[in-house]
C-alpha cells in the first residue's frame, strides 16, 4: 500500500466515488492510517475491526493504539464483523470486548 504505482491506481477508487474495504493486521495499522490520510476523499472501511490476532495483553494494547490511530482519520469506518475469526468460534465475551473498544474510537456514526 506504500508503492507509488499502487497508490496511483488506488486513486481511481476515489475518482469513481467508491469505498475501499481495508483488511489489515495490527502491524499494518500505521500504514493504513497514512493511506487514509493520503486519500481523504475516499471512504475506508476497516474490516473486522482490524482483526486482532494477538489476544495477549501486549498484543491487545498494540491493537488499541493502532485502532485509535486509524480512527483519527475521519474517512475511516470500522466494520463490526468476523470478530471470532482467530478464535475459530463465536465467543460472545470476545465479541463484546472488541465492540466495546472499537465503538468509542469511531463513534456509532462510523461503525457498520
N, C-alpha and C. Protein backbone atom coordinates (compact mmCIF):
# COMPACT_ATOMS: atom_id res chain seq x y z
N UNK A 1 0.81 -1.19 0.00
CA UNK A 1 0.00 0.00 0.00
C UNK A 1 0.85 1.26 0.00
N UNK A 2 2.16 1.09 0.07
CA UNK A 2 3.06 2.24 0.05
C UNK A 2 3.73 2.46 -1.30
N UNK A 3 3.53 1.55 -2.21
CA UNK A 3 4.15 1.65 -3.53
C UNK A 3 3.51 2.79 -4.33
N UNK A 4 4.30 3.68 -4.90
CA UNK A 4 3.74 4.81 -5.66
C UNK A 4 2.84 4.40 -6.82
N UNK A 5 3.21 3.35 -7.55
CA UNK A 5 2.37 2.89 -8.66
C UNK A 5 1.04 2.36 -8.15
N UNK A 6 1.09 1.60 -7.05
CA UNK A 6 -0.14 1.08 -6.45
C UNK A 6 -1.04 2.23 -6.02
N UNK A 7 -0.46 3.24 -5.41
CA UNK A 7 -1.24 4.39 -4.94
C UNK A 7 -1.85 5.18 -6.10
N UNK A 8 -1.13 5.25 -7.18
CA UNK A 8 -1.68 5.94 -8.37
C UNK A 8 -2.95 5.22 -8.82
N UNK A 9 -2.90 3.92 -8.90
CA UNK A 9 -4.08 3.15 -9.26
C UNK A 9 -5.16 3.25 -8.19
N UNK A 10 -4.74 3.26 -6.95
CA UNK A 10 -5.69 3.36 -5.84
C UNK A 10 -6.51 4.64 -5.93
N UNK A 11 -5.91 5.70 -6.43
CA UNK A 11 -6.60 6.97 -6.57
C UNK A 11 -7.87 6.88 -7.41
N UNK A 12 -7.95 5.89 -8.27
CA UNK A 12 -9.14 5.72 -9.10
C UNK A 12 -10.37 5.37 -8.27
N UNK A 13 -10.16 4.78 -7.10
CA UNK A 13 -11.30 4.43 -6.25
C UNK A 13 -12.07 5.69 -5.87
N UNK A 14 -11.36 6.70 -5.43
CA UNK A 14 -12.00 7.96 -5.08
C UNK A 14 -12.59 8.67 -6.28
N UNK A 15 -11.88 8.63 -7.39
CA UNK A 15 -12.39 9.26 -8.60
C UNK A 15 -13.73 8.67 -9.04
N UNK A 16 -13.90 7.38 -8.78
CA UNK A 16 -15.15 6.70 -9.15
C UNK A 16 -16.16 6.69 -8.00
N UNK A 17 -15.84 7.41 -6.93
CA UNK A 17 -16.73 7.56 -5.78
C UNK A 17 -17.08 6.21 -5.15
N UNK A 18 -16.07 5.36 -5.05
CA UNK A 18 -16.23 4.04 -4.42
C UNK A 18 -15.63 4.08 -3.02
N UNK A 19 -15.91 3.08 -2.22
CA UNK A 19 -15.26 2.94 -0.92
C UNK A 19 -14.27 1.79 -1.00
N UNK A 20 -13.35 1.77 -0.04
CA UNK A 20 -12.33 0.74 -0.01
C UNK A 20 -12.41 -0.02 1.31
N UNK A 21 -12.55 -1.33 1.24
CA UNK A 21 -12.56 -2.18 2.42
C UNK A 21 -11.11 -2.59 2.72
N UNK A 22 -10.61 -2.09 3.82
CA UNK A 22 -9.21 -2.26 4.21
C UNK A 22 -9.10 -3.43 5.18
N UNK A 23 -8.45 -4.51 4.76
CA UNK A 23 -8.26 -5.67 5.62
C UNK A 23 -6.78 -5.76 5.98
N UNK A 24 -6.47 -5.34 7.20
CA UNK A 24 -5.08 -5.29 7.64
C UNK A 24 -4.98 -5.82 9.07
N UNK A 25 -3.76 -6.20 9.43
CA UNK A 25 -3.44 -6.64 10.78
C UNK A 25 -2.85 -5.47 11.57
N UNK A 26 -2.76 -5.64 12.86
CA UNK A 26 -2.25 -4.60 13.76
C UNK A 26 -0.92 -4.03 13.28
N UNK A 27 -0.03 -4.86 12.83
CA UNK A 27 1.29 -4.39 12.38
C UNK A 27 1.21 -3.48 11.16
N UNK A 28 0.07 -3.45 10.50
CA UNK A 28 -0.11 -2.63 9.30
C UNK A 28 -0.96 -1.38 9.56
N UNK A 29 -1.41 -1.18 10.80
CA UNK A 29 -2.31 -0.06 11.11
C UNK A 29 -1.69 1.29 10.77
N UNK A 30 -0.42 1.50 11.07
CA UNK A 30 0.22 2.80 10.80
C UNK A 30 0.18 3.10 9.30
N UNK A 31 0.49 2.11 8.48
CA UNK A 31 0.44 2.31 7.03
C UNK A 31 -0.99 2.54 6.56
N UNK A 32 -1.95 1.84 7.17
CA UNK A 32 -3.36 2.05 6.82
C UNK A 32 -3.82 3.46 7.13
N UNK A 33 -3.39 3.99 8.27
CA UNK A 33 -3.75 5.36 8.66
C UNK A 33 -3.13 6.36 7.68
N UNK A 34 -1.90 6.12 7.29
CA UNK A 34 -1.24 7.01 6.31
C UNK A 34 -1.96 6.96 4.96
N UNK A 35 -2.40 5.79 4.57
CA UNK A 35 -3.12 5.64 3.31
C UNK A 35 -4.43 6.43 3.36
N UNK A 36 -5.18 6.29 4.44
CA UNK A 36 -6.44 7.03 4.57
C UNK A 36 -6.19 8.54 4.58
N UNK A 37 -5.12 8.96 5.23
CA UNK A 37 -4.79 10.39 5.27
C UNK A 37 -4.41 10.92 3.89
N UNK A 38 -3.76 10.08 3.09
CA UNK A 38 -3.34 10.50 1.74
C UNK A 38 -4.51 10.58 0.77
N UNK A 39 -5.62 9.90 1.10
CA UNK A 39 -6.80 9.89 0.23
C UNK A 39 -8.04 10.28 1.04
N UNK A 40 -8.09 11.53 1.50
CA UNK A 40 -9.17 11.95 2.41
C UNK A 40 -10.56 11.92 1.78
N UNK A 41 -10.66 11.90 0.47
CA UNK A 41 -11.96 11.85 -0.19
C UNK A 41 -12.48 10.44 -0.42
N UNK A 42 -11.67 9.46 -0.07
CA UNK A 42 -12.06 8.06 -0.26
C UNK A 42 -12.53 7.49 1.07
N UNK A 43 -13.74 6.96 1.14
CA UNK A 43 -14.19 6.30 2.37
C UNK A 43 -13.50 4.94 2.52
N UNK A 44 -13.03 4.68 3.73
CA UNK A 44 -12.38 3.41 4.07
C UNK A 44 -13.25 2.68 5.08
N UNK A 45 -13.28 1.35 4.98
CA UNK A 45 -13.97 0.52 5.98
C UNK A 45 -12.95 -0.50 6.47
N UNK A 46 -12.58 -0.39 7.73
CA UNK A 46 -11.65 -1.32 8.36
C UNK A 46 -12.39 -2.63 8.62
N UNK A 47 -11.98 -3.66 7.93
CA UNK A 47 -12.65 -4.95 8.03
C UNK A 47 -12.38 -5.60 9.39
N UNK A 48 -13.43 -6.16 9.96
CA UNK A 48 -13.33 -6.99 11.16
C UNK A 48 -12.62 -6.28 12.32
N UNK A 49 -12.82 -4.97 12.40
CA UNK A 49 -12.21 -4.16 13.48
C UNK A 49 -10.69 -4.32 13.50
N UNK A 50 -10.11 -4.57 12.37
CA UNK A 50 -8.66 -4.72 12.31
C UNK A 50 -8.14 -6.08 12.70
N UNK A 51 -8.99 -7.04 12.80
CA UNK A 51 -8.63 -8.44 13.03
C UNK A 51 -7.60 -8.63 14.16
N UNK A 52 -7.96 -8.32 15.40
CA UNK A 52 -6.99 -8.53 16.48
C UNK A 52 -6.60 -10.00 16.58
N UNK A 53 -5.39 -10.30 16.17
CA UNK A 53 -4.96 -11.70 16.12
C UNK A 53 -4.12 -12.10 17.34
N UNK A 54 -3.49 -11.14 17.99
CA UNK A 54 -2.70 -11.42 19.19
C UNK A 54 -3.52 -10.96 20.39
N UNK A 55 -4.12 -11.89 21.09
CA UNK A 55 -5.03 -11.56 22.18
C UNK A 55 -4.34 -11.45 23.53
N UNK A 56 -3.00 -11.50 23.53
CA UNK A 56 -2.27 -11.27 24.78
C UNK A 56 -2.44 -9.79 25.15
N UNK A 57 -2.13 -9.44 26.38
CA UNK A 57 -2.29 -8.03 26.79
C UNK A 57 -1.41 -7.09 25.96
N UNK A 58 -0.12 -7.43 25.70
CA UNK A 58 0.67 -6.55 24.83
C UNK A 58 0.11 -6.47 23.41
N UNK A 59 -0.38 -7.60 22.91
CA UNK A 59 -0.97 -7.61 21.57
C UNK A 59 -2.21 -6.75 21.48
N UNK A 60 -3.06 -6.84 22.49
CA UNK A 60 -4.28 -6.03 22.51
C UNK A 60 -3.96 -4.55 22.73
N UNK A 61 -2.92 -4.26 23.50
CA UNK A 61 -2.51 -2.86 23.70
C UNK A 61 -2.05 -2.26 22.36
N UNK A 62 -1.28 -3.02 21.60
CA UNK A 62 -0.84 -2.54 20.28
C UNK A 62 -2.03 -2.36 19.35
N UNK A 63 -2.98 -3.30 19.39
CA UNK A 63 -4.20 -3.18 18.57
C UNK A 63 -4.97 -1.92 18.94
N UNK A 64 -5.17 -1.67 20.25
CA UNK A 64 -5.91 -0.49 20.70
C UNK A 64 -5.24 0.80 20.24
N UNK A 65 -3.93 0.87 20.39
CA UNK A 65 -3.18 2.06 19.98
C UNK A 65 -3.32 2.30 18.48
N UNK A 66 -3.16 1.24 17.70
CA UNK A 66 -3.30 1.35 16.26
C UNK A 66 -4.71 1.68 15.82
N UNK A 67 -5.68 1.12 16.53
CA UNK A 67 -7.08 1.38 16.22
C UNK A 67 -7.39 2.87 16.38
N UNK A 68 -6.87 3.46 17.44
CA UNK A 68 -7.07 4.90 17.67
C UNK A 68 -6.44 5.72 16.56
N UNK A 69 -5.27 5.30 16.11
CA UNK A 69 -4.59 5.99 15.02
C UNK A 69 -5.43 5.93 13.73
N UNK A 70 -6.02 4.79 13.45
CA UNK A 70 -6.90 4.67 12.29
C UNK A 70 -8.15 5.53 12.46
N UNK A 71 -8.73 5.49 13.66
CA UNK A 71 -9.95 6.26 13.93
C UNK A 71 -9.72 7.76 13.85
N UNK A 72 -8.48 8.20 13.98
CA UNK A 72 -8.16 9.63 13.84
C UNK A 72 -8.42 10.13 12.42
N UNK A 73 -8.51 9.20 11.47
CA UNK A 73 -8.79 9.57 10.08
C UNK A 73 -10.30 9.63 9.90
N UNK A 74 -10.85 10.81 9.60
CA UNK A 74 -12.32 10.94 9.53
C UNK A 74 -12.98 10.12 8.42
N UNK A 75 -12.21 9.67 7.45
CA UNK A 75 -12.77 8.87 6.36
C UNK A 75 -12.67 7.37 6.63
N UNK A 76 -12.23 6.99 7.84
CA UNK A 76 -12.11 5.58 8.21
C UNK A 76 -13.32 5.16 9.04
N UNK A 77 -13.89 4.02 8.69
CA UNK A 77 -15.02 3.43 9.40
C UNK A 77 -14.60 2.04 9.88
N UNK A 78 -15.31 1.48 10.83
CA UNK A 78 -14.99 0.14 11.33
C UNK A 78 -16.16 -0.80 11.08
N UNK A 79 -15.85 -1.96 10.52
CA UNK A 79 -16.88 -2.96 10.27
C UNK A 79 -16.85 -3.99 11.40
N UNK A 80 -17.96 -4.08 12.10
CA UNK A 80 -18.08 -5.00 13.24
C UNK A 80 -18.52 -6.36 12.72
N UNK A 81 -17.58 -7.08 12.16
CA UNK A 81 -17.89 -8.38 11.56
C UNK A 81 -16.71 -9.33 11.76
N UNK A 82 -16.95 -10.60 11.64
CA UNK A 82 -15.88 -11.60 11.69
C UNK A 82 -15.05 -11.54 12.95
N UNK A 83 -15.65 -11.18 14.08
CA UNK A 83 -14.87 -10.92 15.28
C UNK A 83 -14.40 -12.18 15.99
N UNK A 84 -14.84 -13.33 15.58
CA UNK A 84 -14.36 -14.58 16.17
C UNK A 84 -13.41 -15.33 15.25
N UNK A 85 -12.94 -14.68 14.20
CA UNK A 85 -12.12 -15.35 13.19
C UNK A 85 -10.92 -16.06 13.78
N UNK A 86 -10.17 -15.39 14.64
CA UNK A 86 -8.94 -16.01 15.14
C UNK A 86 -9.18 -16.93 16.33
N UNK A 87 -10.40 -16.88 16.86
CA UNK A 87 -10.77 -17.83 17.91
C UNK A 87 -11.32 -19.11 17.30
N UNK A 88 -11.77 -18.99 16.05
CA UNK A 88 -12.40 -20.08 15.32
C UNK A 88 -13.72 -20.51 15.97
N UNK A 89 -14.36 -19.53 16.61
CA UNK A 89 -15.67 -19.77 17.20
C UNK A 89 -16.32 -18.43 17.51
N UNK A 90 -17.58 -18.45 17.77
CA UNK A 90 -18.30 -17.24 18.16
C UNK A 90 -18.31 -17.18 19.68
N UNK A 91 -17.53 -16.27 20.24
CA UNK A 91 -17.42 -16.11 21.69
C UNK A 91 -18.04 -14.76 22.05
N UNK A 92 -19.24 -14.77 22.63
CA UNK A 92 -19.93 -13.51 22.94
C UNK A 92 -19.09 -12.55 23.79
N UNK A 93 -18.31 -13.04 24.73
CA UNK A 93 -17.48 -12.17 25.57
C UNK A 93 -16.39 -11.49 24.73
N UNK A 94 -15.79 -12.24 23.82
CA UNK A 94 -14.76 -11.67 22.94
C UNK A 94 -15.38 -10.62 22.02
N UNK A 95 -16.50 -10.95 21.40
CA UNK A 95 -17.17 -10.01 20.50
C UNK A 95 -17.52 -8.73 21.26
N UNK A 96 -18.07 -8.88 22.46
CA UNK A 96 -18.43 -7.70 23.27
C UNK A 96 -17.21 -6.85 23.59
N UNK A 97 -16.10 -7.50 23.89
CA UNK A 97 -14.86 -6.77 24.21
C UNK A 97 -14.39 -5.94 23.01
N UNK A 98 -14.39 -6.54 21.84
CA UNK A 98 -13.93 -5.84 20.65
C UNK A 98 -14.87 -4.68 20.31
N UNK A 99 -16.16 -4.92 20.39
CA UNK A 99 -17.14 -3.87 20.10
C UNK A 99 -17.02 -2.75 21.13
N UNK A 100 -16.87 -3.10 22.41
CA UNK A 100 -16.72 -2.09 23.47
C UNK A 100 -15.50 -1.20 23.25
N UNK A 101 -14.45 -1.75 22.70
CA UNK A 101 -13.24 -0.97 22.49
C UNK A 101 -13.22 -0.24 21.16
N UNK A 102 -13.91 -0.79 20.17
CA UNK A 102 -13.93 -0.16 18.84
C UNK A 102 -14.92 0.99 18.77
N UNK A 103 -16.11 0.78 19.27
CA UNK A 103 -17.17 1.78 19.07
C UNK A 103 -16.85 3.15 19.65
N UNK A 104 -16.21 3.28 20.82
CA UNK A 104 -15.88 4.64 21.28
C UNK A 104 -14.82 5.33 20.40
N UNK A 105 -13.96 4.57 19.79
CA UNK A 105 -12.92 5.16 18.92
C UNK A 105 -13.56 5.79 17.68
N UNK A 106 -14.49 5.07 17.08
CA UNK A 106 -15.08 5.51 15.82
C UNK A 106 -16.40 6.23 16.02
N UNK A 107 -17.06 5.99 17.12
CA UNK A 107 -18.40 6.53 17.34
C UNK A 107 -19.41 5.74 16.53
N UNK A 108 -20.67 5.80 16.95
CA UNK A 108 -21.69 4.99 16.26
C UNK A 108 -21.87 5.36 14.78
N UNK A 109 -21.59 6.59 14.43
CA UNK A 109 -21.77 7.03 13.05
C UNK A 109 -20.73 6.45 12.09
N UNK A 110 -19.64 5.91 12.63
CA UNK A 110 -18.61 5.33 11.74
C UNK A 110 -18.41 3.84 12.00
N UNK A 111 -19.36 3.19 12.65
CA UNK A 111 -19.33 1.73 12.81
C UNK A 111 -20.42 1.13 11.95
N UNK A 112 -20.06 0.10 11.21
CA UNK A 112 -21.04 -0.60 10.36
C UNK A 112 -21.01 -2.08 10.71
